[in-house]
Amino acid sequence: MTDVLLLHAGIGDRRMWEPQIAALSAAGHRPIAPDLPGFGEAPLEPETIDYVGFAAEQLAGPAAVVGCSFGARVALELAAARPDLVDRLVLVGIGLGRWEWSEAAQAGFEEEEAALARGDLAEAAAQQGRMWLADAAEPGVRELTEAMTVRSYDQQLPLEGRVKTVWPEPSAEERLGELDVPTLVVVGSEDLADIRAMCEQVAAGIPAARLETIEGAGHLPSIERPAEFNRLLLDFVR
């Protein structure tokens, strides 16, 4: 039995892993899918949050660590800071902290911020769904994504400016060549060009990494294309 830590995206919470929790459990593995602080049912508390430390606390020993987007950044930093806890690494649509976002991506972020400034959380979440999910995403996937995003707004906006996030230094993304862990990098064919470029960069930088593309998926292949994603995940964990 393999422990598998699942770290969700910034537009998600533990609910985005439901298809994987079922598949991993059926295959005899032990999925661990927490809500990160400030998401889902996990409260966000001032003053400082250490997401990498939080992830480490979920594990009693070596595990396969899977992260999507923001969660993938946490997973990457965990692999560098605590290699004793990560024996396999899956990075899905990873977002890097040191990245010059394209004008198109920045326009999307600005559109979300404008809706939030108007107090229209539902429209901000809908915009995030349009930005990140593939056009062909099923209505149920879009509905779940928007619900998870609104939940994060409810948790985080009241504490805006009162919580500081800390990250390990030097950053893992500056030391990719030092990582000695089998790594699977996954990206949806319909994800943002910025994300596809980041995934290519990370896969090229980690010596034991390979890159897989899931056709037709956007930023959340775990729920947009769960069958294809589960095949990759289960094969890699085995």
Protein backbone atom coordinates (compact mmCIF):
# COMPACT_ATOMS: atom_id res chain seq x y z
CA MET A 1 0.00 0.00 0.00
CA THR A 2 1.31 3.43 -0.96
CA ASP A 3 0.36 6.65 0.78
CA VAL A 4 -0.62 9.26 -1.82
CA LEU A 5 -0.86 12.90 -0.74
CA LEU A 6 -3.14 14.96 -2.99
CA LEU A 7 -2.69 18.76 -2.90
CA HIS A 8 -5.42 20.69 -4.67
CA ALA A 9 -5.33 23.72 -6.97
CA GLY A 10 -5.95 27.32 -5.98
CA ILE A 11 -9.33 27.16 -7.76
CA GLY A 12 -10.15 23.94 -5.95
CA ASP A 13 -10.26 22.09 -2.67
CA ARG A 14 -10.15 18.41 -1.71
CA ARG A 15 -13.35 17.80 -3.74
CA MET A 16 -11.39 18.03 -6.99
CA TRP A 17 -9.70 14.75 -6.09
CA GLU A 18 -12.85 12.65 -5.55
CA PRO A 19 -12.31 10.54 -8.71
CA GLN A 20 -8.71 9.90 -7.66
CA ILE A 21 -9.59 9.08 -4.05
CA ALA A 22 -11.94 6.38 -5.32
CA ALA A 23 -9.46 5.01 -7.87
CA LEU A 24 -6.49 4.97 -5.49
CA SER A 25 -8.50 3.32 -2.73
CA ALA A 26 -9.77 0.64 -5.14
CA ALA A 27 -6.16 -0.06 -6.16
CA GLY A 28 -5.13 -0.61 -2.53
CA HIS A 29 -3.42 2.73 -1.91
CA ARG A 30 -4.15 5.19 0.89
CA PRO A 31 -5.14 8.62 -0.47
CA ILE A 32 -4.60 11.64 1.81
CA ALA A 33 -6.53 14.64 0.50
CA PRO A 34 -6.60 17.58 2.90
CA ASP A 35 -8.03 21.02 2.33
CA LEU A 36 -5.13 23.46 2.38
CA PRO A 37 -5.58 26.29 4.90
CA GLY A 38 -8.01 28.85 3.50
CA PHE A 39 -9.75 26.37 1.22
CA GLY A 40 -12.73 24.08 1.60
CA GLU A 41 -13.32 23.38 5.28
CA ALA A 42 -9.82 24.36 6.49
CA PRO A 43 -9.83 27.80 8.12
CA LEU A 44 -7.26 30.46 7.33
CA GLU A 45 -5.78 32.10 10.40
CA PRO A 46 -3.46 35.09 10.77
CA GLU A 47 -0.52 35.77 10.80
CA THR A 48 1.68 33.34 8.82
CA ILE A 49 0.93 30.26 6.78
CA ASP A 50 3.52 27.68 5.73
CA TYR A 51 1.86 25.49 3.11
CA VAL A 52 4.96 23.32 2.69
CA GLY A 53 5.11 22.68 6.42
CA PHE A 54 1.38 21.90 6.41
CA ALA A 55 1.90 19.33 3.65
CA ALA A 56 4.78 17.73 5.53
CA GLU A 57 2.59 17.36 8.62
CA GLN A 58 0.17 15.17 6.65
CA LEU A 59 2.80 12.45 6.17
CA ALA A 60 4.29 9.95 8.60
CA GLY A 61 6.80 8.64 6.08
CA PRO A 62 7.67 8.48 2.37
CA ALA A 63 4.73 8.90 0.01
CA ALA A 64 3.76 9.69 -3.52
CA VAL A 65 2.93 13.40 -3.57
CA VAL A 66 0.53 14.77 -6.18
CA GLY A 67 -0.15 18.47 -6.61
CA CYS A 68 -2.17 20.53 -9.06
CA SER A 69 -1.41 24.17 -9.90
CA PHE A 70 -0.80 25.93 -6.57
CA GLY A 71 -0.75 22.52 -4.93
CA ALA A 72 1.91 21.43 -7.41
CA ARG A 73 4.07 24.34 -6.34
CA VAL A 74 3.67 23.18 -2.73
CA ALA A 75 4.50 19.60 -3.76
CA LEU A 76 7.63 20.70 -5.62
CA GLU A 77 8.86 22.70 -2.64
CA LEU A 78 8.12 19.76 -0.34
CA ALA A 79 10.19 17.42 -2.52
CA ALA A 80 13.15 19.78 -2.30
CA ALA A 81 12.82 20.62 1.41
CA ARG A 82 11.86 17.14 2.67
CA PRO A 83 13.14 14.53 0.20
CA ASP A 84 12.69 11.92 2.93
CA LEU A 85 8.93 12.31 2.57
CA VAL A 86 8.61 12.21 -1.23
CA ASP A 87 9.44 9.04 -3.14
CA ARG A 88 7.36 9.92 -6.22
CA LEU A 89 6.19 13.30 -7.42
CA VAL A 90 3.28 14.21 -9.72
CA LEU A 91 3.00 17.86 -10.80
CA VAL A 92 -0.19 18.79 -12.64
CA GLY A 93 -0.44 22.16 -14.37
CA ILE A 94 2.21 23.55 -12.05
CA GLY A 95 2.34 27.28 -11.37
CA LEU A 96 5.71 28.76 -10.47
CA GLY A 97 6.29 31.64 -8.11
CA ARG A 98 8.86 33.32 -10.34
CA TRP A 99 7.08 33.62 -13.68
CA GLU A 100 6.43 36.53 -16.03
CA TRP A 101 2.79 35.98 -16.94
CA SER A 102 1.67 36.79 -20.47
CA GLU A 103 -0.55 39.77 -21.20
CA ALA A 104 -3.46 37.40 -21.89
CA ALA A 105 -3.10 35.75 -18.48
CA GLN A 106 -2.73 39.08 -16.71
CA ALA A 107 -5.92 40.30 -18.39
CA GLY A 108 -7.72 37.29 -16.95
CA PHE A 109 -6.42 38.00 -13.46
CA GLU A 110 -7.50 41.62 -13.79
CA GLU A 111 -10.99 40.58 -14.86
CA GLU A 112 -11.30 38.44 -11.73
CA GLU A 113 -10.06 41.28 -9.53
CA ALA A 114 -12.58 43.69 -11.05
CA ALA A 115 -15.45 41.33 -10.24
CA LEU A 116 -14.16 40.89 -6.68
CA ALA A 117 -13.88 44.67 -6.27
CA ARG A 118 -17.58 44.90 -7.20
CA GLY A 119 -18.35 42.26 -4.61
CA ASP A 120 -19.59 39.86 -7.30
CA LEU A 121 -18.04 36.62 -6.08
CA ALA A 122 -20.17 34.46 -8.36
CA GLU A 123 -19.03 36.33 -11.48
CA ALA A 124 -15.39 36.22 -10.33
CA ALA A 125 -15.67 32.45 -9.91
CA ALA A 126 -17.41 32.07 -13.26
CA GLN A 127 -14.62 34.06 -14.89
CA GLN A 128 -12.06 31.72 -13.32
CA GLY A 129 -13.95 28.78 -14.72
CA ARG A 130 -13.90 30.32 -18.19
CA MET A 131 -10.21 31.13 -17.85
CA TRP A 132 -8.96 27.79 -16.55
CA LEU A 133 -11.29 25.04 -17.75
CA ALA A 134 -11.44 23.71 -21.28
CA ASP A 135 -14.32 25.09 -23.33
CA ALA A 136 -15.76 21.57 -23.55
CA ALA A 137 -15.72 21.00 -19.76
CA GLU A 138 -18.95 19.40 -18.56
CA PRO A 139 -21.46 21.64 -16.75
CA GLY A 140 -21.02 19.68 -13.53
CA VAL A 141 -17.26 20.25 -13.61
CA ARG A 142 -17.78 23.96 -14.19
CA GLU A 143 -20.34 24.14 -11.37
CA LEU A 144 -18.00 22.37 -8.93
CA THR A 145 -15.05 24.57 -9.89
CA GLU A 146 -17.06 27.73 -9.36
CA ALA A 147 -18.35 26.46 -6.00
CA MET A 148 -14.83 25.61 -4.81
CA THR A 149 -13.59 29.02 -5.94
CA VAL A 150 -16.39 30.91 -4.16
CA ARG A 151 -15.60 28.93 -1.03
CA SER A 152 -11.97 30.09 -1.19
CA TYR A 153 -13.15 33.70 -1.55
CA ASP A 154 -15.35 33.28 1.51
CA GLN A 155 -12.38 31.98 3.49
CA GLN A 156 -9.67 34.33 2.29
CA LEU A 157 -11.15 37.73 1.45
CA PRO A 158 -12.07 38.67 5.06
CA LEU A 159 -8.40 38.15 6.02
CA GLU A 160 -6.85 39.87 3.00
CA GLY A 161 -3.64 41.63 4.03
CA ARG A 162 -3.54 39.89 7.40
CA VAL A 163 -1.90 36.62 6.36
CA LYS A 164 1.65 36.19 5.07
CA THR A 165 2.69 33.08 3.15
CA VAL A 166 6.24 31.81 3.70
CA TRP A 167 8.18 29.63 1.25
CA PRO A 168 11.50 27.77 1.54
CA GLU A 169 14.58 29.61 0.35
CA PRO A 170 16.22 29.09 -2.03
CA SER A 171 13.19 28.11 -4.07
CA ALA A 172 12.94 24.61 -5.50
CA GLU A 173 12.26 26.03 -8.94
CA GLU A 174 15.81 27.43 -8.87
CA ARG A 175 17.21 23.97 -8.01
CA LEU A 176 15.31 21.62 -10.29
CA GLY A 177 18.48 19.81 -11.32
CA GLU A 178 19.13 18.82 -7.71
CA LEU A 179 15.86 16.93 -7.30
CA ASP A 180 16.41 13.17 -7.18
CA VAL A 181 12.87 11.84 -7.35
CA PRO A 182 10.89 10.14 -10.13
CA THR A 183 8.57 12.84 -11.41
CA LEU A 184 5.54 12.89 -13.67
CA VAL A 185 4.54 16.30 -15.03
CA VAL A 186 1.00 16.44 -16.42
CA VAL A 187 -0.63 19.25 -18.38
CA GLY A 188 -3.93 19.62 -20.21
CA SER A 189 -3.75 20.40 -23.91
CA GLU A 190 -6.26 23.22 -23.37
CA ASP A 191 -4.51 24.80 -20.36
CA LEU A 192 -3.09 28.32 -20.57
CA ALA A 193 0.03 28.73 -22.72
CA ASP A 194 1.83 30.02 -19.62
CA ILE A 195 1.07 26.81 -17.71
CA ARG A 196 2.11 24.60 -20.61
CA ALA A 197 5.41 26.48 -20.77
CA MET A 198 5.96 26.12 -17.02
CA CYS A 199 5.30 22.39 -17.21
CA GLU A 200 7.79 22.02 -20.05
CA GLN A 201 10.38 23.97 -18.06
CA VAL A 202 9.93 21.85 -14.95
CA ALA A 203 9.94 18.56 -16.85
CA ALA A 204 13.14 19.55 -18.64
CA GLY A 205 14.80 20.67 -15.41
CA ILE A 206 14.19 17.65 -13.17
CA PRO A 207 16.53 14.81 -14.21
CA ALA A 208 14.05 11.95 -13.59
CA ALA A 209 10.97 13.68 -14.99
CA ARG A 210 8.71 13.03 -17.94
CA LEU A 211 5.93 15.16 -19.38
CA GLU A 212 2.48 13.85 -20.32
CA THR A 213 -0.30 15.84 -22.00
CA ILE A 214 -3.97 14.99 -21.51
CA GLU A 215 -5.88 15.94 -24.63
CA GLY A 216 -9.01 17.99 -24.17
CA ALA A 217 -8.29 18.92 -20.56
CA GLY A 218 -7.76 22.38 -19.18
CA HIS A 219 -6.24 23.20 -15.80
CA LEU A 220 -8.03 20.51 -13.76
CA PRO A 221 -7.61 17.19 -15.60
CA SER A 222 -8.45 15.30 -12.40
CA ILE A 223 -12.12 16.22 -12.91
CA GLU A 224 -12.14 17.24 -16.58
CA ARG A 225 -10.63 13.97 -17.83
CA PRO A 226 -10.59 11.69 -14.76
CA ALA A 227 -10.28 8.37 -16.62
CA GLU A 228 -7.20 9.49 -18.55
CA PHE A 229 -5.68 11.13 -15.50
CA ASN A 230 -6.30 8.08 -13.30
CA ARG A 231 -4.55 5.80 -15.78
CA LEU A 232 -1.44 7.96 -15.70
CA LEU A 233 -1.55 8.32 -11.92
CA LEU A 234 -2.08 4.65 -11.11
CA ASP A 235 0.60 3.50 -13.55
CA PHE A 236 3.07 5.97 -12.07
CA VAL A 237 2.29 5.13 -8.45
CA ARG A 238 2.73 1.44 -9.20
